[in-house]
């Protein structure tokens, strides 16, 4: 009986520590600054709406469902462009995959929290918009690499 309790405790502790590590790593990736910021250039060139979503999230009473839909469209476009970029087809880093999983988790958190807490839903959308902005910056960096080659 003692071994079962110890095993359950160790397993639960390991899962909690892994979750903490995953979230901390995603936040570090999103807060890292690059030498040049391509987000606005990529947003304008591809008619992305995440900059407007980031502004609208600061306004009380914003249509969270509409903002969520806009972020999902931007995310789908950017992940498609990144996966089909010349010279980078199928070239996805561990960081990119972690952020893709984080985006999906924040989308689930948004869906769960929206009926109960607008503040929690807004926070999830803010992090989702940061992930989209990160991918826009990656897209700009890859475009610069392609132009230099």
N, C-alpha and C. Protein backbone atom coordinates (compact mmCIF):
# COMPACT_ATOMS: atom_id res chain seq x y z
N UNK A 1 0.82 -1.19 0.00
CA UNK A 1 0.00 0.00 0.00
C UNK A 1 0.87 1.27 0.00
N UNK A 2 1.96 1.21 0.78
CA UNK A 2 2.85 2.37 0.86
C UNK A 2 3.48 2.65 -0.50
N UNK A 3 3.88 1.57 -1.23
CA UNK A 3 4.50 1.77 -2.54
C UNK A 3 3.54 2.43 -3.51
N UNK A 4 2.27 2.07 -3.45
CA UNK A 4 1.26 2.66 -4.33
C UNK A 4 1.11 4.16 -4.05
N UNK A 5 1.04 4.52 -2.80
CA UNK A 5 0.91 5.93 -2.42
C UNK A 5 2.16 6.71 -2.84
N UNK A 6 3.33 6.13 -2.61
CA UNK A 6 4.58 6.79 -3.00
C UNK A 6 4.65 6.96 -4.51
N UNK A 7 4.25 5.93 -5.25
CA UNK A 7 4.26 6.00 -6.71
C UNK A 7 3.30 7.07 -7.21
N UNK A 8 2.11 7.13 -6.65
CA UNK A 8 1.14 8.15 -7.05
C UNK A 8 1.64 9.56 -6.72
N UNK A 9 2.26 9.72 -5.56
CA UNK A 9 2.81 11.02 -5.17
C UNK A 9 3.93 11.45 -6.12
N UNK A 10 4.83 10.53 -6.42
CA UNK A 10 5.95 10.86 -7.32
C UNK A 10 5.44 11.17 -8.72
N UNK A 11 4.47 10.41 -9.19
CA UNK A 11 3.91 10.65 -10.53
C UNK A 11 3.21 12.00 -10.59
N UNK A 12 2.39 12.30 -9.59
CA UNK A 12 1.69 13.58 -9.56
C UNK A 12 2.68 14.75 -9.46
N UNK A 13 3.69 14.60 -8.62
CA UNK A 13 4.70 15.65 -8.49
C UNK A 13 5.45 15.85 -9.80
N UNK A 14 5.79 14.77 -10.47
CA UNK A 14 6.51 14.87 -11.75
C UNK A 14 5.66 15.56 -12.80
N UNK A 15 4.38 15.25 -12.85
CA UNK A 15 3.49 15.89 -13.81
C UNK A 15 3.34 17.38 -13.52
N UNK A 16 3.23 17.73 -12.26
CA UNK A 16 3.13 19.14 -11.89
C UNK A 16 4.41 19.90 -12.24
N UNK A 17 5.55 19.31 -11.96
CA UNK A 17 6.82 19.95 -12.30
C UNK A 17 7.01 20.07 -13.81
N UNK A 18 6.59 19.06 -14.56
CA UNK A 18 6.67 19.14 -16.02
C UNK A 18 5.77 20.26 -16.54
N UNK A 19 4.55 20.36 -16.00
CA UNK A 19 3.64 21.43 -16.41
C UNK A 19 4.22 22.80 -16.11
N UNK A 20 4.81 22.95 -14.94
CA UNK A 20 5.44 24.21 -14.57
C UNK A 20 6.60 24.53 -15.51
N UNK A 21 7.44 23.54 -15.78
CA UNK A 21 8.56 23.75 -16.70
C UNK A 21 8.06 24.17 -18.08
N UNK A 22 7.04 23.50 -18.57
CA UNK A 22 6.51 23.79 -19.90
C UNK A 22 5.99 25.22 -19.98
N UNK A 23 5.18 25.63 -18.99
CA UNK A 23 4.63 26.98 -18.99
C UNK A 23 5.75 28.03 -18.86
N UNK A 24 6.70 27.80 -17.99
CA UNK A 24 7.80 28.73 -17.78
C UNK A 24 8.62 28.87 -19.06
N UNK A 25 8.89 27.78 -19.73
CA UNK A 25 9.66 27.81 -20.97
C UNK A 25 8.91 28.57 -22.06
N UNK A 26 7.61 28.35 -22.17
CA UNK A 26 6.81 29.08 -23.17
C UNK A 26 6.82 30.58 -22.89
N UNK A 27 6.69 30.95 -21.64
CA UNK A 27 6.73 32.38 -21.28
C UNK A 27 8.10 32.97 -21.61
N UNK A 28 9.17 32.23 -21.34
CA UNK A 28 10.51 32.72 -21.68
C UNK A 28 10.67 32.91 -23.18
N UNK A 29 10.18 31.96 -23.96
CA UNK A 29 10.28 32.07 -25.42
C UNK A 29 9.52 33.30 -25.90
N UNK A 30 8.32 33.50 -25.37
CA UNK A 30 7.49 34.63 -25.81
C UNK A 30 8.06 35.98 -25.38
N UNK A 31 8.79 36.01 -24.27
CA UNK A 31 9.34 37.27 -23.79
C UNK A 31 10.73 37.57 -24.35
N UNK A 32 11.33 36.63 -25.06
CA UNK A 32 12.65 36.86 -25.65
C UNK A 32 12.52 37.88 -26.78
N UNK A 33 13.43 38.80 -26.81
CA UNK A 33 13.43 39.85 -27.83
C UNK A 33 14.49 39.54 -28.88
N UNK A 34 14.15 39.77 -30.13
CA UNK A 34 15.10 39.58 -31.22
C UNK A 34 15.73 40.93 -31.56
N UNK A 35 16.79 40.87 -32.36
CA UNK A 35 17.48 42.11 -32.71
C UNK A 35 16.60 43.02 -33.57
N UNK A 36 15.76 42.42 -34.37
CA UNK A 36 14.84 43.21 -35.20
C UNK A 36 13.45 42.61 -35.08
N UNK A 37 12.45 43.46 -34.93
CA UNK A 37 11.08 43.02 -34.78
C UNK A 37 10.37 43.09 -36.14
N UNK A 38 9.94 41.95 -36.64
CA UNK A 38 9.28 41.86 -37.94
C UNK A 38 7.76 41.77 -37.83
N UNK A 39 7.22 41.80 -36.62
CA UNK A 39 5.80 41.51 -36.45
C UNK A 39 4.90 42.47 -37.22
N UNK A 40 5.17 43.75 -37.15
CA UNK A 40 4.29 44.70 -37.84
C UNK A 40 4.43 44.57 -39.36
N UNK A 41 5.65 44.36 -39.85
CA UNK A 41 5.85 44.19 -41.30
C UNK A 41 5.10 42.97 -41.82
N UNK A 42 5.21 41.85 -41.11
CA UNK A 42 4.54 40.62 -41.53
C UNK A 42 3.03 40.78 -41.41
N UNK A 43 2.57 41.46 -40.36
CA UNK A 43 1.13 41.67 -40.17
C UNK A 43 0.54 42.51 -41.32
N UNK A 44 1.26 43.53 -41.72
CA UNK A 44 0.78 44.38 -42.81
C UNK A 44 0.82 43.62 -44.13
N UNK A 45 1.92 42.94 -44.39
CA UNK A 45 2.08 42.23 -45.67
C UNK A 45 1.06 41.11 -45.85
N UNK A 46 0.65 40.47 -44.76
CA UNK A 46 -0.27 39.34 -44.85
C UNK A 46 -1.67 39.66 -44.35
N UNK A 47 -1.94 40.94 -44.10
CA UNK A 47 -3.24 41.40 -43.62
C UNK A 47 -3.70 40.64 -42.37
N UNK A 48 -2.79 40.52 -41.42
CA UNK A 48 -3.09 39.83 -40.17
C UNK A 48 -3.74 40.82 -39.20
N UNK A 49 -4.57 40.29 -38.34
CA UNK A 49 -5.32 41.17 -37.43
C UNK A 49 -4.85 41.10 -35.98
N UNK A 50 -3.77 40.36 -35.69
CA UNK A 50 -3.37 40.22 -34.29
C UNK A 50 -2.95 41.54 -33.64
N UNK A 51 -2.35 42.52 -34.36
CA UNK A 51 -2.06 43.79 -33.67
C UNK A 51 -3.35 44.50 -33.20
N UNK A 52 -4.39 44.44 -34.02
CA UNK A 52 -5.67 45.03 -33.63
C UNK A 52 -6.29 44.25 -32.47
N UNK A 53 -6.12 42.94 -32.49
CA UNK A 53 -6.64 42.11 -31.40
C UNK A 53 -5.93 42.49 -30.10
N UNK A 54 -4.62 42.66 -30.15
CA UNK A 54 -3.87 43.04 -28.95
C UNK A 54 -4.35 44.38 -28.41
N UNK A 55 -4.66 45.33 -29.31
CA UNK A 55 -5.19 46.63 -28.87
C UNK A 55 -6.59 46.47 -28.28
N UNK A 56 -7.43 45.69 -28.97
CA UNK A 56 -8.81 45.52 -28.52
C UNK A 56 -8.91 44.78 -27.19
N UNK A 57 -7.95 43.94 -26.89
CA UNK A 57 -7.98 43.21 -25.62
C UNK A 57 -7.80 44.16 -24.43
N UNK A 58 -7.26 45.34 -24.67
CA UNK A 58 -7.08 46.32 -23.60
C UNK A 58 -8.36 47.09 -23.30
N UNK A 59 -9.35 46.96 -24.20
CA UNK A 59 -10.62 47.68 -24.05
C UNK A 59 -11.62 46.78 -23.32
N UNK A 60 -12.23 47.33 -22.29
CA UNK A 60 -13.25 46.57 -21.56
C UNK A 60 -14.47 46.38 -22.46
N UNK A 61 -15.06 45.22 -22.39
CA UNK A 61 -16.27 44.94 -23.17
C UNK A 61 -16.00 44.54 -24.61
N UNK A 62 -14.78 44.18 -24.93
CA UNK A 62 -14.45 43.76 -26.30
C UNK A 62 -15.13 42.43 -26.61
N UNK A 63 -15.42 42.21 -27.88
CA UNK A 63 -16.04 40.96 -28.33
C UNK A 63 -14.99 39.86 -28.33
N UNK A 64 -14.91 39.10 -27.25
CA UNK A 64 -13.87 38.09 -27.11
C UNK A 64 -14.01 36.98 -28.15
N UNK A 65 -15.22 36.61 -28.50
CA UNK A 65 -15.42 35.55 -29.49
C UNK A 65 -14.88 35.97 -30.86
N UNK A 66 -15.14 37.20 -31.24
CA UNK A 66 -14.62 37.72 -32.51
C UNK A 66 -13.10 37.81 -32.52
N UNK A 67 -12.54 38.23 -31.38
CA UNK A 67 -11.09 38.31 -31.26
C UNK A 67 -10.46 36.91 -31.34
N UNK A 68 -11.11 35.94 -30.72
CA UNK A 68 -10.63 34.56 -30.77
C UNK A 68 -10.64 34.04 -32.20
N UNK A 69 -11.71 34.32 -32.92
CA UNK A 69 -11.78 33.89 -34.33
C UNK A 69 -10.68 34.54 -35.17
N UNK A 70 -10.43 35.82 -34.93
CA UNK A 70 -9.37 36.53 -35.67
C UNK A 70 -8.00 35.93 -35.39
N UNK A 71 -7.74 35.62 -34.12
CA UNK A 71 -6.46 34.99 -33.77
C UNK A 71 -6.32 33.63 -34.41
N UNK A 72 -7.39 32.85 -34.43
CA UNK A 72 -7.33 31.52 -35.05
C UNK A 72 -7.04 31.62 -36.54
N UNK A 73 -7.63 32.61 -37.23
CA UNK A 73 -7.34 32.80 -38.66
C UNK A 73 -5.87 33.16 -38.87
N UNK A 74 -5.37 34.10 -38.07
CA UNK A 74 -3.97 34.50 -38.18
C UNK A 74 -3.03 33.33 -37.89
N UNK A 75 -3.34 32.58 -36.85
CA UNK A 75 -2.52 31.43 -36.46
C UNK A 75 -2.49 30.39 -37.59
N UNK A 76 -3.65 30.10 -38.15
CA UNK A 76 -3.71 29.10 -39.23
C UNK A 76 -2.90 29.56 -40.44
N UNK A 77 -3.00 30.83 -40.80
CA UNK A 77 -2.25 31.35 -41.94
C UNK A 77 -0.75 31.30 -41.67
N UNK A 78 -0.33 31.76 -40.50
CA UNK A 78 1.11 31.79 -40.21
C UNK A 78 1.70 30.39 -40.11
N UNK A 79 1.00 29.46 -39.49
CA UNK A 79 1.55 28.10 -39.40
C UNK A 79 1.62 27.47 -40.78
N UNK A 80 0.66 27.79 -41.65
CA UNK A 80 0.72 27.27 -43.02
C UNK A 80 1.92 27.87 -43.75
N UNK A 81 2.08 29.18 -43.65
CA UNK A 81 3.20 29.84 -44.33
C UNK A 81 4.54 29.34 -43.82
N UNK A 82 4.65 29.17 -42.50
CA UNK A 82 5.91 28.68 -41.94
C UNK A 82 6.21 27.25 -42.35
N UNK A 83 5.19 26.43 -42.44
CA UNK A 83 5.43 25.02 -42.80
C UNK A 83 5.71 24.86 -44.30
N UNK A 84 5.33 25.85 -45.11
CA UNK A 84 5.54 25.76 -46.56
C UNK A 84 6.53 26.78 -47.08
N UNK A 85 7.28 27.42 -46.18
CA UNK A 85 8.26 28.42 -46.61
C UNK A 85 9.39 27.74 -47.37
N UNK A 86 9.87 28.41 -48.38
CA UNK A 86 10.96 27.87 -49.19
C UNK A 86 12.19 27.65 -48.32
N UNK A 87 12.76 26.47 -48.42
CA UNK A 87 13.96 26.14 -47.67
C UNK A 87 13.68 25.70 -46.24
N UNK A 88 12.42 25.78 -45.81
CA UNK A 88 12.08 25.43 -44.43
C UNK A 88 10.90 24.47 -44.37
N UNK A 89 10.61 23.76 -45.46
CA UNK A 89 9.45 22.88 -45.46
C UNK A 89 9.62 21.78 -44.42
N UNK A 90 8.65 21.72 -43.51
CA UNK A 90 8.70 20.72 -42.46
C UNK A 90 9.76 20.98 -41.41
N UNK A 91 10.40 22.14 -41.48
CA UNK A 91 11.49 22.48 -40.56
C UNK A 91 10.90 23.22 -39.36
N UNK A 92 10.49 22.47 -38.36
CA UNK A 92 9.87 23.04 -37.18
C UNK A 92 10.76 22.77 -35.97
N UNK A 93 11.10 23.82 -35.25
CA UNK A 93 11.97 23.65 -34.09
C UNK A 93 11.15 23.18 -32.89
N UNK A 94 11.84 22.75 -31.87
CA UNK A 94 11.18 22.33 -30.64
C UNK A 94 10.42 23.51 -30.04
N UNK A 95 11.00 24.70 -30.10
CA UNK A 95 10.32 25.89 -29.58
C UNK A 95 9.01 26.13 -30.32
N UNK A 96 9.03 26.00 -31.65
CA UNK A 96 7.81 26.20 -32.43
C UNK A 96 6.74 25.19 -32.03
N UNK A 97 7.13 23.95 -31.87
CA UNK A 97 6.15 22.92 -31.49
C UNK A 97 5.61 23.16 -30.08
N UNK A 98 6.47 23.60 -29.19
CA UNK A 98 6.00 23.91 -27.83
C UNK A 98 5.00 25.05 -27.86
N UNK A 99 5.28 26.07 -28.66
CA UNK A 99 4.36 27.20 -28.74
C UNK A 99 3.06 26.83 -29.44
N UNK A 100 3.13 25.91 -30.40
CA UNK A 100 1.90 25.43 -31.04
C UNK A 100 1.03 24.70 -30.02
N UNK A 101 1.64 23.87 -29.21
CA UNK A 101 0.90 23.18 -28.15
C UNK A 101 0.37 24.19 -27.13
N UNK A 102 1.17 25.17 -26.78
CA UNK A 102 0.74 26.20 -25.84
C UNK A 102 -0.45 26.97 -26.41
N UNK A 103 -0.44 27.28 -27.71
CA UNK A 103 -1.55 27.98 -28.34
C UNK A 103 -2.83 27.16 -28.20
N UNK A 104 -2.73 25.86 -28.47
CA UNK A 104 -3.91 25.00 -28.34
C UNK A 104 -4.41 24.92 -26.90
N UNK A 105 -3.46 24.84 -25.96
CA UNK A 105 -3.85 24.79 -24.55
C UNK A 105 -4.52 26.10 -24.12
N UNK A 106 -4.01 27.23 -24.57
CA UNK A 106 -4.63 28.51 -24.23
C UNK A 106 -6.00 28.64 -24.90
N UNK A 107 -6.14 28.06 -26.10
CA UNK A 107 -7.45 28.05 -26.75
C UNK A 107 -8.46 27.23 -25.95
N UNK A 108 -8.02 26.11 -25.42
CA UNK A 108 -8.89 25.30 -24.57
C UNK A 108 -9.23 26.04 -23.29
N UNK A 109 -8.23 26.69 -22.69
CA UNK A 109 -8.47 27.47 -21.48
C UNK A 109 -9.45 28.60 -21.75
N UNK A 110 -9.32 29.24 -22.90
CA UNK A 110 -10.26 30.30 -23.28
C UNK A 110 -11.68 29.74 -23.36
N UNK A 111 -11.83 28.61 -24.04
CA UNK A 111 -13.16 28.02 -24.21
C UNK A 111 -13.78 27.62 -22.88
N UNK A 112 -12.95 27.11 -21.97
CA UNK A 112 -13.46 26.68 -20.67
C UNK A 112 -13.79 27.88 -19.79
N UNK A 113 -12.93 28.89 -19.79
CA UNK A 113 -13.08 30.00 -18.86
C UNK A 113 -14.04 31.09 -19.33
N UNK A 114 -14.31 31.17 -20.62
CA UNK A 114 -15.12 32.26 -21.16
C UNK A 114 -16.50 32.38 -20.50
N UNK A 115 -17.23 31.29 -20.29
CA UNK A 115 -18.55 31.45 -19.64
C UNK A 115 -18.46 31.89 -18.18
N UNK A 116 -17.34 31.65 -17.54
CA UNK A 116 -17.24 31.90 -16.10
C UNK A 116 -16.45 33.15 -15.74
N UNK A 117 -15.41 33.46 -16.52
CA UNK A 117 -14.52 34.57 -16.16
C UNK A 117 -14.00 35.25 -17.42
N UNK A 118 -14.48 36.46 -17.64
CA UNK A 118 -14.00 37.23 -18.79
C UNK A 118 -12.52 37.58 -18.64
N UNK A 119 -12.08 37.79 -17.41
CA UNK A 119 -10.67 38.15 -17.17
C UNK A 119 -9.75 36.99 -17.53
N UNK A 120 -10.12 35.77 -17.15
CA UNK A 120 -9.30 34.61 -17.49
C UNK A 120 -9.32 34.35 -18.99
N UNK A 121 -10.47 34.54 -19.62
CA UNK A 121 -10.56 34.36 -21.07
C UNK A 121 -9.71 35.40 -21.79
N UNK A 122 -9.74 36.63 -21.30
CA UNK A 122 -8.93 37.71 -21.89
C UNK A 122 -7.44 37.41 -21.75
N UNK A 123 -7.04 36.88 -20.59
CA UNK A 123 -5.64 36.53 -20.36
C UNK A 123 -5.19 35.42 -21.32
N UNK A 124 -6.05 34.44 -21.54
CA UNK A 124 -5.73 33.37 -22.48
C UNK A 124 -5.58 33.93 -23.89
N UNK A 125 -6.48 34.84 -24.28
CA UNK A 125 -6.38 35.45 -25.61
C UNK A 125 -5.12 36.30 -25.75
N UNK A 126 -4.72 36.97 -24.68
CA UNK A 126 -3.49 37.76 -24.73
C UNK A 126 -2.28 36.87 -25.01
N UNK A 127 -2.24 35.72 -24.34
CA UNK A 127 -1.11 34.82 -24.58
C UNK A 127 -1.18 34.21 -25.98
N UNK A 128 -2.38 33.92 -26.44
CA UNK A 128 -2.52 33.41 -27.81
C UNK A 128 -2.03 34.45 -28.82
N UNK A 129 -2.33 35.72 -28.56
CA UNK A 129 -1.87 36.77 -29.49
C UNK A 129 -0.36 36.92 -29.44
N UNK A 130 0.25 36.67 -28.29
CA UNK A 130 1.72 36.70 -28.20
C UNK A 130 2.33 35.57 -29.01
N UNK A 131 1.69 34.40 -29.01
CA UNK A 131 2.19 33.28 -29.81
C UNK A 131 2.10 33.62 -31.29
N UNK A 132 0.98 34.20 -31.71
CA UNK A 132 0.83 34.59 -33.11
C UNK A 132 1.87 35.64 -33.48
N UNK A 133 2.11 36.60 -32.61
CA UNK A 133 3.13 37.63 -32.87
C UNK A 133 4.51 36.99 -32.98
N UNK A 134 4.79 36.01 -32.14
CA UNK A 134 6.08 35.31 -32.21
C UNK A 134 6.24 34.63 -33.56
N UNK A 135 5.20 33.95 -34.02
CA UNK A 135 5.28 33.27 -35.31
C UNK A 135 5.40 34.26 -36.46
N UNK A 136 4.78 35.43 -36.34
CA UNK A 136 4.94 36.47 -37.36
C UNK A 136 6.39 36.94 -37.40
N UNK A 137 7.00 37.08 -36.25
CA UNK A 137 8.40 37.49 -36.19
C UNK A 137 9.30 36.41 -36.80
N UNK A 138 9.02 35.15 -36.50
CA UNK A 138 9.78 34.04 -37.09
C UNK A 138 9.64 34.06 -38.61
N UNK A 139 8.41 34.33 -39.08
CA UNK A 139 8.18 34.41 -40.53
C UNK A 139 9.02 35.52 -41.14
N UNK A 140 9.10 36.66 -40.50
CA UNK A 140 9.93 37.77 -40.99
C UNK A 140 11.40 37.42 -41.00
N UNK A 141 11.87 36.75 -39.96
CA UNK A 141 13.27 36.33 -39.91
C UNK A 141 13.59 35.36 -41.04
N UNK A 142 12.70 34.42 -41.29
CA UNK A 142 12.93 33.45 -42.37
C UNK A 142 12.89 34.12 -43.74
N UNK A 143 12.02 35.11 -43.90
CA UNK A 143 11.98 35.83 -45.17
C UNK A 143 13.28 36.60 -45.39
N UNK A 144 13.82 37.17 -44.33
CA UNK A 144 15.10 37.88 -44.44
C UNK A 144 16.22 36.92 -44.79
N UNK A 145 16.20 35.73 -44.17
CA UNK A 145 17.21 34.71 -44.48
C UNK A 145 17.13 34.31 -45.96
N UNK A 146 15.91 34.15 -46.45
CA UNK A 146 15.71 33.77 -47.85
C UNK A 146 16.16 34.85 -48.81
N UNK A 147 15.96 36.11 -48.42
CA UNK A 147 16.39 37.22 -49.28
C UNK A 147 17.91 37.35 -49.29
N UNK A 148 18.55 37.01 -48.18
CA UNK A 148 20.01 37.12 -48.08
C UNK A 148 20.70 35.98 -48.82
N UNK A 149 20.02 34.86 -48.97
CA UNK A 149 20.66 33.69 -49.60
C UNK A 149 20.74 33.79 -51.09
